[in-house]
Amino acid sequence: MLSKSSFFTTILLLLPALASAQTADDNLQLELRYYAPKLKFTSHGIVPAAYSNFRDTLNIKNGNAPEYRLSGKNWYVDYIAIHEKGYASHHIPAQGSLIPADSRTKLNLDYASFNYLSPIKTTENGTAYWLAGLRCYRFDTALQFSSPVLNKKYAKQLNQFAPAFGIGGKHYLDEAHRLQLYSELSGLPLGGRGHTYDLDIGVKYSPCKNLSANAGYRVLDLKIKNDDGTGLYKLSGWYGGLSYSF
């Protein structure tokens, strides 16, 4: 299994390769986003089938996901961390009957993407580009039932490294190039291993040279299938962000 330290080590090792594509005349841009997605998570082979839909049966609430992005002229790195908890009361089968039990759930996702951009066409008003990159994501799930006669815990970690390809574009709406529309779609079906899809659409405003603000809508659809089970994690929702160029 991929430990949390190994996950972040992989991210750090890939950063120099991306940064090497940067020239002295290009700016680096650091972007922070506040993402408030609607969560959908299902699992098979990880917890009992009756509780495979985590959000509906285990009372996990929609949460917020901090997102961090570092960009250069023709590359960017993106990282999202989501940590959810849930609590609910159930009647579960045990000792030949249904008994009351409380459930406590933890659901964590770490998602990182590394992307290289290649222009298709560039004009004064914008650009269209191809995208190729790598997706790294990890699900940590834990479900514990507690009652006077039964204590049962299920825990599993699922990891995935996958290539991704896509297309995107940016279009300026004014002559001063302060207001910009952008969109990007990337991912790849992985056959028996699952899939990864990422859609990002938004608008960006730059009041000055180094500072900009954006707002948009993002859909992140991740599926892992292996011998340990199947996890499907889908996020969809609005975000807002600030970025600084240096």
C-alpha atoms as a PDB file:
ATOM      1  CA  MET A   1       0.000   0.000   0.000  1.00  0.00           C
ATOM      2  CA  LEU A   2       1.068   3.558  -0.606  1.00  0.00           C
ATOM      3  CA  SER A   3       1.704   5.365   2.664  1.00  0.00           C
ATOM      4  CA  LYS A   4       0.921   9.038   3.110  1.00  0.00           C
ATOM      5  CA  SER A   5       4.636   9.880   3.262  1.00  0.00           C
ATOM      6  CA  SER A   6       5.271   7.946   0.028  1.00  0.00           C
ATOM      7  CA  PHE A   7       2.366   9.742  -1.643  1.00  0.00           C
ATOM      8  CA  PHE A   8       3.818  13.173  -0.879  1.00  0.00           C
ATOM      9  CA  THR A   9       7.355  12.007  -1.724  1.00  0.00           C
ATOM     10  CA  THR A  10       6.114  11.092  -5.196  1.00  0.00           C
ATOM     11  CA  ILE A  11       4.668  14.585  -5.599  1.00  0.00           C
ATOM     12  CA  LEU A  12       7.910  16.256  -4.503  1.00  0.00           C
ATOM     13  CA  LEU A  13      10.045  14.100  -6.816  1.00  0.00           C
ATOM     14  CA  LEU A  14       7.981  15.092  -9.848  1.00  0.00           C
ATOM     15  CA  LEU A  15       8.143  18.829  -9.163  1.00  0.00           C
ATOM     16  CA  PRO A  16      11.769  19.333 -10.355  1.00  0.00           C
ATOM     17  CA  ALA A  17      10.978  17.657 -13.684  1.00  0.00           C
ATOM     18  CA  LEU A  18       8.135  20.094 -14.293  1.00  0.00           C
ATOM     19  CA  ALA A  19      10.097  23.095 -13.056  1.00  0.00           C
ATOM     20  CA  SER A  20      12.938  22.280 -15.481  1.00  0.00           C
ATOM     21  CA  ALA A  21      10.609  23.279 -18.325  1.00  0.00           C
ATOM     22  CA  GLN A  22      10.416  26.785 -16.878  1.00  0.00           C
ATOM     23  CA  THR A  23      12.509  29.593 -18.407  1.00  0.00           C
ATOM     24  CA  ALA A  24      13.764  32.754 -16.754  1.00  0.00           C
ATOM     25  CA  ASP A  25      11.180  34.847 -18.604  1.00  0.00           C
ATOM     26  CA  ASP A  26       8.197  32.821 -17.410  1.00  0.00           C
ATOM     27  CA  ASN A  27       6.245  33.481 -14.234  1.00  0.00           C
ATOM     28  CA  LEU A  28       5.358  30.925 -11.630  1.00  0.00           C
ATOM     29  CA  GLN A  29       1.800  31.151 -10.336  1.00  0.00           C
ATOM     30  CA  LEU A  30       0.527  29.866  -7.005  1.00  0.00           C
ATOM     31  CA  GLU A  31      -3.233  29.393  -6.756  1.00  0.00           C
ATOM     32  CA  LEU A  32      -5.343  28.567  -3.712  1.00  0.00           C
ATOM     33  CA  ARG A  33      -8.938  27.412  -4.188  1.00  0.00           C
ATOM     34  CA  TYR A  34     -11.857  26.896  -1.843  1.00  0.00           C
ATOM     35  CA  TYR A  35     -13.819  23.983  -3.282  1.00  0.00           C
ATOM     36  CA  ALA A  36     -17.278  23.091  -1.920  1.00  0.00           C
ATOM     37  CA  PRO A  37     -18.287  19.928  -3.792  1.00  0.00           C
ATOM     38  CA  LYS A  38     -21.188  17.548  -3.453  1.00  0.00           C
ATOM     39  CA  LEU A  39     -19.800  14.145  -2.504  1.00  0.00           C
ATOM     40  CA  LYS A  40     -20.760  10.752  -3.879  1.00  0.00           C
ATOM     41  CA  PHE A  41     -18.800   7.703  -2.729  1.00  0.00           C
ATOM     42  CA  THR A  42     -19.631   4.027  -3.137  1.00  0.00           C
ATOM     43  CA  SER A  43     -17.570   0.952  -2.344  1.00  0.00           C
ATOM     44  CA  HIS A  44     -17.779  -2.756  -3.050  1.00  0.00           C
ATOM     45  CA  GLY A  45     -15.728  -5.343  -1.219  1.00  0.00           C
ATOM     46  CA  ILE A  46     -14.602  -2.816   1.396  1.00  0.00           C
ATOM     47  CA  VAL A  47     -17.595  -2.637   3.750  1.00  0.00           C
ATOM     48  CA  PRO A  48     -20.868  -4.659   3.925  1.00  0.00           C
ATOM     49  CA  ALA A  49     -22.978  -4.278   0.782  1.00  0.00           C
ATOM     50  CA  ALA A  50     -25.804  -2.563   2.686  1.00  0.00           C
ATOM     51  CA  TYR A  51     -23.431   0.331   3.435  1.00  0.00           C
ATOM     52  CA  SER A  52     -21.720   0.591   0.051  1.00  0.00           C
ATOM     53  CA  ASN A  53     -23.225   4.052  -0.535  1.00  0.00           C
ATOM     54  CA  PHE A  54     -21.292   5.940   2.126  1.00  0.00           C
ATOM     55  CA  ARG A  55     -23.026   9.280   1.874  1.00  0.00           C
ATOM     56  CA  ASP A  56     -26.638   8.094   2.028  1.00  0.00           C
ATOM     57  CA  THR A  57     -26.382   5.267   4.548  1.00  0.00           C
ATOM     58  CA  LEU A  58     -23.597   6.532   6.797  1.00  0.00           C
ATOM     59  CA  ASN A  59     -24.687  10.171   7.084  1.00  0.00           C
ATOM     60  CA  ILE A  60     -21.532  11.751   5.673  1.00  0.00           C
ATOM     61  CA  LYS A  61     -22.102  15.421   5.013  1.00  0.00           C
ATOM     62  CA  ASN A  62     -20.836  17.415   2.059  1.00  0.00           C
ATOM     63  CA  GLY A  63     -17.561  19.037   3.047  1.00  0.00           C
ATOM     64  CA  ASN A  64     -15.056  21.502   1.697  1.00  0.00           C
ATOM     65  CA  ALA A  65     -11.810  20.637  -0.054  1.00  0.00           C
ATOM     66  CA  PRO A  66      -8.753  22.895  -0.064  1.00  0.00           C
ATOM     67  CA  GLU A  67      -6.985  22.873  -3.411  1.00  0.00           C
ATOM     68  CA  TYR A  68      -3.454  24.032  -4.233  1.00  0.00           C
ATOM     69  CA  ARG A  69      -2.071  24.629  -7.707  1.00  0.00           C
ATOM     70  CA  LEU A  70       1.413  25.615  -8.911  1.00  0.00           C
ATOM     71  CA  SER A  71       1.659  26.602 -12.582  1.00  0.00           C
ATOM     72  CA  GLY A  72       4.312  27.499 -15.117  1.00  0.00           C
ATOM     73  CA  LYS A  73       4.072  28.503 -18.760  1.00  0.00           C
ATOM     74  CA  ASN A  74       3.321  24.995 -20.050  1.00  0.00           C
ATOM     75  CA  TRP A  75       2.742  22.856 -16.932  1.00  0.00           C
ATOM     76  CA  TYR A  76       0.901  22.758 -13.623  1.00  0.00           C
ATOM     77  CA  VAL A  77       0.637  20.636 -10.493  1.00  0.00           C
ATOM     78  CA  ASP A  78      -2.692  20.315  -8.677  1.00  0.00           C
ATOM     79  CA  TYR A  79      -3.409  18.838  -5.223  1.00  0.00           C
ATOM     80  CA  ILE A  80      -6.735  18.325  -3.392  1.00  0.00           C
ATOM     81  CA  ALA A  81      -7.193  16.946   0.133  1.00  0.00           C
ATOM     82  CA  ILE A  82     -10.610  15.877   1.431  1.00  0.00           C
ATOM     83  CA  HIS A  83     -11.296  14.513   4.898  1.00  0.00           C
ATOM     84  CA  GLU A  84     -14.890  13.567   5.770  1.00  0.00           C
ATOM     85  CA  LYS A  85     -16.543  12.085   8.856  1.00  0.00           C
ATOM     86  CA  GLY A  86     -19.982  10.643   9.493  1.00  0.00           C
ATOM     87  CA  TYR A  87     -22.066   9.348  12.387  1.00  0.00           C
ATOM     88  CA  ALA A  88     -25.352   7.431  12.266  1.00  0.00           C
ATOM     89  CA  SER A  89     -27.438   4.823  14.106  1.00  0.00           C
ATOM     90  CA  HIS A  90     -28.386   1.513  12.460  1.00  0.00           C
ATOM     91  CA  HIS A  91     -29.808  -1.926  13.109  1.00  0.00           C
ATOM     92  CA  ILE A  92     -27.298  -4.475  11.848  1.00  0.00           C
ATOM     93  CA  PRO A  93     -27.525  -8.293  11.596  1.00  0.00           C
ATOM     94  CA  ALA A  94     -25.716 -10.128  14.402  1.00  0.00           C
ATOM     95  CA  GLN A  95     -26.326 -13.325  16.357  1.00  0.00           C
ATOM     96  CA  GLY A  96     -29.340 -14.190  14.194  1.00  0.00           C
ATOM     97  CA  SER A  97     -31.203 -10.909  14.718  1.00  0.00           C
ATOM     98  CA  LEU A  98     -31.007  -7.166  14.085  1.00  0.00           C
ATOM     99  CA  ILE A  99     -29.357  -5.200  16.875  1.00  0.00           C
ATOM    100  CA  PRO A 100     -28.935  -1.425  17.270  1.00  0.00           C
ATOM    101  CA  ALA A 101     -25.450  -0.099  16.611  1.00  0.00           C
ATOM    102  CA  ASP A 102     -23.799   3.260  16.025  1.00  0.00           C
ATOM    103  CA  SER A 103     -21.513   3.808  13.047  1.00  0.00           C
ATOM    104  CA  ARG A 104     -18.542   6.121  12.804  1.00  0.00           C
ATOM    105  CA  THR A 105     -17.027   6.695   9.400  1.00  0.00           C
ATOM    106  CA  LYS A 106     -13.863   8.321   8.098  1.00  0.00           C
ATOM    107  CA  LEU A 107     -13.417   8.952   4.404  1.00  0.00           C
ATOM    108  CA  ASN A 108     -10.232  10.573   3.089  1.00  0.00           C
ATOM    109  CA  LEU A 109      -9.076  11.365  -0.431  1.00  0.00           C
ATOM    110  CA  ASP A 110      -5.685  12.650  -1.572  1.00  0.00           C
ATOM    111  CA  TYR A 111      -5.584  13.598  -5.254  1.00  0.00           C
ATOM    112  CA  ALA A 112      -2.664  15.031  -7.214  1.00  0.00           C
ATOM    113  CA  SER A 113      -2.260  15.697 -10.925  1.00  0.00           C
ATOM    114  CA  PHE A 114       0.844  16.565 -12.938  1.00  0.00           C
ATOM    115  CA  ASN A 115       0.174  18.085 -16.347  1.00  0.00           C
ATOM    116  CA  TYR A 116       2.152  19.226 -19.384  1.00  0.00           C
ATOM    117  CA  LEU A 117       0.419  21.517 -21.907  1.00  0.00           C
ATOM    118  CA  SER A 118       1.137  21.711 -25.635  1.00  0.00           C
ATOM    119  CA  PRO A 119      -0.519  24.506 -27.681  1.00  0.00           C
ATOM    120  CA  ILE A 120      -2.794  23.587 -30.583  1.00  0.00           C
ATOM    121  CA  LYS A 121      -3.514  27.143 -31.670  1.00  0.00           C
ATOM    122  CA  THR A 122      -2.711  30.531 -30.147  1.00  0.00           C
ATOM    123  CA  THR A 123      -4.247  33.906 -31.053  1.00  0.00           C
ATOM    124  CA  GLU A 124      -4.354  37.363 -29.491  1.00  0.00           C
ATOM    125  CA  ASN A 125      -7.563  36.410 -27.694  1.00  0.00           C
ATOM    126  CA  GLY A 126      -6.549  33.053 -26.272  1.00  0.00           C
ATOM    127  CA  THR A 127      -5.174  29.585 -26.800  1.00  0.00           C
ATOM    128  CA  ALA A 128      -6.270  25.976 -27.207  1.00  0.00           C
ATOM    129  CA  TYR A 129      -4.010  23.165 -26.008  1.00  0.00           C
ATOM    130  CA  TRP A 130      -3.516  19.451 -25.583  1.00  0.00           C
ATOM    131  CA  LEU A 131      -2.783  18.063 -22.137  1.00  0.00           C
ATOM    132  CA  ALA A 132      -0.855  14.981 -20.999  1.00  0.00           C
ATOM    133  CA  GLY A 133      -0.083  14.034 -17.440  1.00  0.00           C
ATOM    134  CA  LEU A 134      -0.229  11.715 -14.474  1.00  0.00           C
ATOM    135  CA  ARG A 135      -2.944  11.263 -11.839  1.00  0.00           C
ATOM    136  CA  CYS A 136      -2.196   9.963  -8.339  1.00  0.00           C
ATOM    137  CA  TYR A 137      -5.045   9.354  -5.930  1.00  0.00           C
ATOM    138  CA  ARG A 138      -5.652   7.434  -2.738  1.00  0.00           C
ATOM    139  CA  PHE A 139      -8.817   6.514  -0.832  1.00  0.00           C
ATOM    140  CA  ASP A 140      -8.653   5.822   2.908  1.00  0.00           C
ATOM    141  CA  THR A 141     -11.912   4.439   4.293  1.00  0.00           C
ATOM    142  CA  ALA A 142     -12.768   3.305   7.808  1.00  0.00           C
ATOM    143  CA  LEU A 143     -16.148   2.206   9.174  1.00  0.00           C
ATOM    144  CA  GLN A 144     -16.736   1.089  12.765  1.00  0.00           C
ATOM    145  CA  PHE A 145     -19.946  -0.280  14.275  1.00  0.00           C
ATOM    146  CA  SER A 146     -20.323  -0.072  18.060  1.00  0.00           C
ATOM    147  CA  SER A 147     -22.983  -1.606  20.291  1.00  0.00           C
ATOM    148  CA  PRO A 148     -23.155  -3.347  23.700  1.00  0.00           C
ATOM    149  CA  VAL A 149     -22.841  -6.760  22.016  1.00  0.00           C
ATOM    150  CA  LEU A 150     -20.863  -6.053  18.861  1.00  0.00           C
ATOM    151  CA  ASN A 151     -17.837  -4.037  17.799  1.00  0.00           C
ATOM    152  CA  LYS A 152     -16.771  -4.381  14.188  1.00  0.00           C
ATOM    153  CA  LYS A 153     -14.342  -2.285  12.139  1.00  0.00           C
ATOM    154  CA  TYR A 154     -13.715  -2.209   8.395  1.00  0.00           C
ATOM    155  CA  ALA A 155     -10.745  -0.322   6.958  1.00  0.00           C
ATOM    156  CA  LYS A 156      -9.186  -0.245   3.521  1.00  0.00           C
ATOM    157  CA  GLN A 157      -6.782   1.839   1.453  1.00  0.00           C
ATOM    158  CA  LEU A 158      -7.004   1.941  -2.346  1.00  0.00           C
ATOM    159  CA  ASN A 159      -4.342   3.610  -4.525  1.00  0.00           C
ATOM    160  CA  GLN A 160      -4.106   4.464  -8.191  1.00  0.00           C
ATOM    161  CA  PHE A 161      -1.470   5.928 -10.512  1.00  0.00           C
ATOM    162  CA  ALA A 162      -2.832   6.588 -13.988  1.00  0.00           C
ATOM    163  CA  PRO A 163      -1.939   8.528 -17.136  1.00  0.00           C
ATOM    164  CA  ALA A 164      -4.341  11.167 -18.396  1.00  0.00           C
ATOM    165  CA  PHE A 165      -4.875  13.029 -21.651  1.00  0.00           C
ATOM    166  CA  GLY A 166      -7.140  15.940 -22.422  1.00  0.00           C
ATOM    167  CA  ILE A 167      -7.882  19.223 -24.104  1.00  0.00           C
ATOM    168  CA  GLY A 168      -8.370  22.743 -22.796  1.00  0.00           C
ATOM    169  CA  GLY A 169      -8.610  26.374 -23.735  1.00  0.00           C
ATOM    170  CA  LYS A 170      -8.448  29.978 -22.520  1.00  0.00           C
ATOM    171  CA  HIS A 171     -10.249  32.926 -24.093  1.00  0.00           C
ATOM    172  CA  TYR A 172      -9.924  36.613 -23.168  1.00  0.00           C
ATOM    173  CA  LEU A 173     -13.115  38.667 -23.164  1.00  0.00           C
ATOM    174  CA  ASP A 174     -11.515  42.127 -23.202  1.00  0.00           C
ATOM    175  CA  GLU A 175      -8.661  43.932 -24.950  1.00  0.00           C
ATOM    176  CA  ALA A 176      -6.730  44.424 -21.711  1.00  0.00           C
ATOM    177  CA  HIS A 177      -6.682  40.645 -21.112  1.00  0.00           C
ATOM    178  CA  ARG A 178      -8.045  40.973 -17.614  1.00  0.00           C
ATOM    179  CA  LEU A 179     -11.160  38.820 -17.968  1.00  0.00           C
ATOM    180  CA  GLN A 180     -10.712  35.236 -19.118  1.00  0.00           C
ATOM    181  CA  LEU A 181     -12.890  32.180 -19.674  1.00  0.00           C
ATOM    182  CA  TYR A 182     -11.217  28.786 -19.332  1.00  0.00           C
ATOM    183  CA  SER A 183     -12.164  25.123 -19.597  1.00  0.00           C
ATOM    184  CA  GLU A 184     -10.364  21.802 -19.427  1.00  0.00           C
ATOM    185  CA  LEU A 185     -11.372  18.151 -19.770  1.00  0.00           C
ATOM    186  CA  SER A 186      -8.943  15.321 -19.051  1.00  0.00           C
ATOM    187  CA  GLY A 187      -8.865  11.687 -17.997  1.00  0.00           C
ATOM    188  CA  LEU A 188      -8.688   8.150 -19.282  1.00  0.00           C
ATOM    189  CA  PRO A 189     -10.723   4.924 -19.053  1.00  0.00           C
ATOM    190  CA  LEU A 190      -8.545   2.270 -17.435  1.00  0.00           C
ATOM    191  CA  GLY A 191     -10.509  -0.859 -18.299  1.00  0.00           C
ATOM    192  CA  GLY A 192     -10.460  -3.326 -15.433  1.00  0.00           C
ATOM    193  CA  ARG A 193      -8.626  -0.839 -13.203  1.00  0.00           C
ATOM    194  CA  GLY A 194     -11.331   1.847 -13.220  1.00  0.00           C
ATOM    195  CA  HIS A 195     -11.210   5.362 -14.678  1.00  0.00           C
ATOM    196  CA  THR A 196     -10.295   8.986 -14.019  1.00  0.00           C
ATOM    197  CA  TYR A 197     -12.134  12.054 -15.383  1.00  0.00           C
ATOM    198  CA  ASP A 198     -11.658  15.727 -14.514  1.00  0.00           C
ATOM    199  CA  LEU A 199     -13.732  18.651 -15.853  1.00  0.00           C
ATOM    200  CA  ASP A 200     -12.947  22.265 -14.897  1.00  0.00           C
ATOM    201  CA  ILE A 201     -14.833  25.325 -16.233  1.00  0.00           C
ATOM    202  CA  GLY A 202     -14.478  28.859 -14.906  1.00  0.00           C
ATOM    203  CA  VAL A 203     -13.846  32.574 -15.269  1.00  0.00           C
ATOM    204  CA  LYS A 204     -10.755  34.476 -14.141  1.00  0.00           C
ATOM    205  CA  TYR A 205     -10.265  38.196 -13.477  1.00  0.00           C
ATOM    206  CA  SER A 206      -6.879  39.907 -13.099  1.00  0.00           C
ATOM    207  CA  PRO A 207      -7.143  43.430 -11.618  1.00  0.00           C
ATOM    208  CA  CYS A 208      -3.359  43.824 -11.690  1.00  0.00           C
ATOM    209  CA  LYS A 209      -0.312  42.087 -13.133  1.00  0.00           C
ATOM    210  CA  ASN A 210       0.446  39.667 -10.301  1.00  0.00           C
ATOM    211  CA  LEU A 211      -2.935  39.040  -8.682  1.00  0.00           C
ATOM    212  CA  SER A 212      -6.076  37.354 -10.003  1.00  0.00           C
ATOM    213  CA  ALA A 213      -9.309  35.819  -8.731  1.00  0.00           C
ATOM    214  CA  ASN A 214     -11.379  33.045 -10.254  1.00  0.00           C
ATOM    215  CA  ALA A 215     -14.608  31.130  -9.832  1.00  0.00           C
ATOM    216  CA  GLY A 216     -15.755  27.971 -11.527  1.00  0.00           C
ATOM    217  CA  TYR A 217     -17.331  24.534 -11.474  1.00  0.00           C
ATOM    218  CA  ARG A 218     -15.402  21.268 -11.256  1.00  0.00           C
ATOM    219  CA  VAL A 219     -16.339  17.604 -11.600  1.00  0.00           C
ATOM    220  CA  LEU A 220     -13.867  14.976 -10.408  1.00  0.00           C
ATOM    221  CA  ASP A 221     -14.804  11.333 -11.104  1.00  0.00           C
ATOM    222  CA  LEU A 222     -12.382   8.659  -9.839  1.00  0.00           C
ATOM    223  CA  LYS A 223     -12.776   4.894  -9.794  1.00  0.00           C
ATOM    224  CA  ILE A 224     -10.358   2.253  -8.501  1.00  0.00           C
ATOM    225  CA  LYS A 225     -10.781  -1.487  -9.090  1.00  0.00           C
ATOM    226  CA  ASN A 226      -8.360  -4.094  -7.768  1.00  0.00           C
ATOM    227  CA  ASP A 227      -8.292  -7.342  -5.809  1.00  0.00           C
ATOM    228  CA  ASP A 228      -9.054  -5.462  -2.571  1.00  0.00           C
ATOM    229  CA  GLY A 229     -12.349  -4.030  -3.832  1.00  0.00           C
ATOM    230  CA  THR A 230     -13.831  -1.179  -5.832  1.00  0.00           C
ATOM    231  CA  GLY A 231     -14.138   2.467  -4.841  1.00  0.00           C
ATOM    232  CA  LEU A 232     -16.014   5.152  -6.777  1.00  0.00           C
ATOM    233  CA  TYR A 233     -15.458   8.730  -5.634  1.00  0.00           C
ATOM    234  CA  LYS A 234     -17.230  11.604  -7.384  1.00  0.00           C
ATOM    235  CA  LEU A 235     -17.073  15.299  -6.503  1.00  0.00           C
ATOM    236  CA  SER A 236     -19.003  18.058  -8.252  1.00  0.00           C
ATOM    237  CA  GLY A 237     -19.417  21.655  -7.180  1.00  0.00           C
ATOM    238  CA  TRP A 238     -18.407  25.302  -7.245  1.00  0.00           C
ATOM    239  CA  TYR A 239     -15.105  26.818  -6.195  1.00  0.00           C
ATOM    240  CA  GLY A 240     -13.477  30.211  -5.771  1.00  0.00           C
ATOM    241  CA  GLY A 241      -9.794  31.021  -5.708  1.00  0.00           C
ATOM    242  CA  LEU A 242      -6.970  33.541  -5.626  1.00  0.00           C
ATOM    243  CA  SER A 243      -3.662  33.300  -7.474  1.00  0.00           C
ATOM    244  CA  TYR A 244      -0.397  35.212  -7.308  1.00  0.00           C
ATOM    245  CA  SER A 245       2.332  35.345  -9.956  1.00  0.00           C
ATOM    246  CA  PHE A 246       5.968  35.753  -8.957  1.00  0.00           C
END
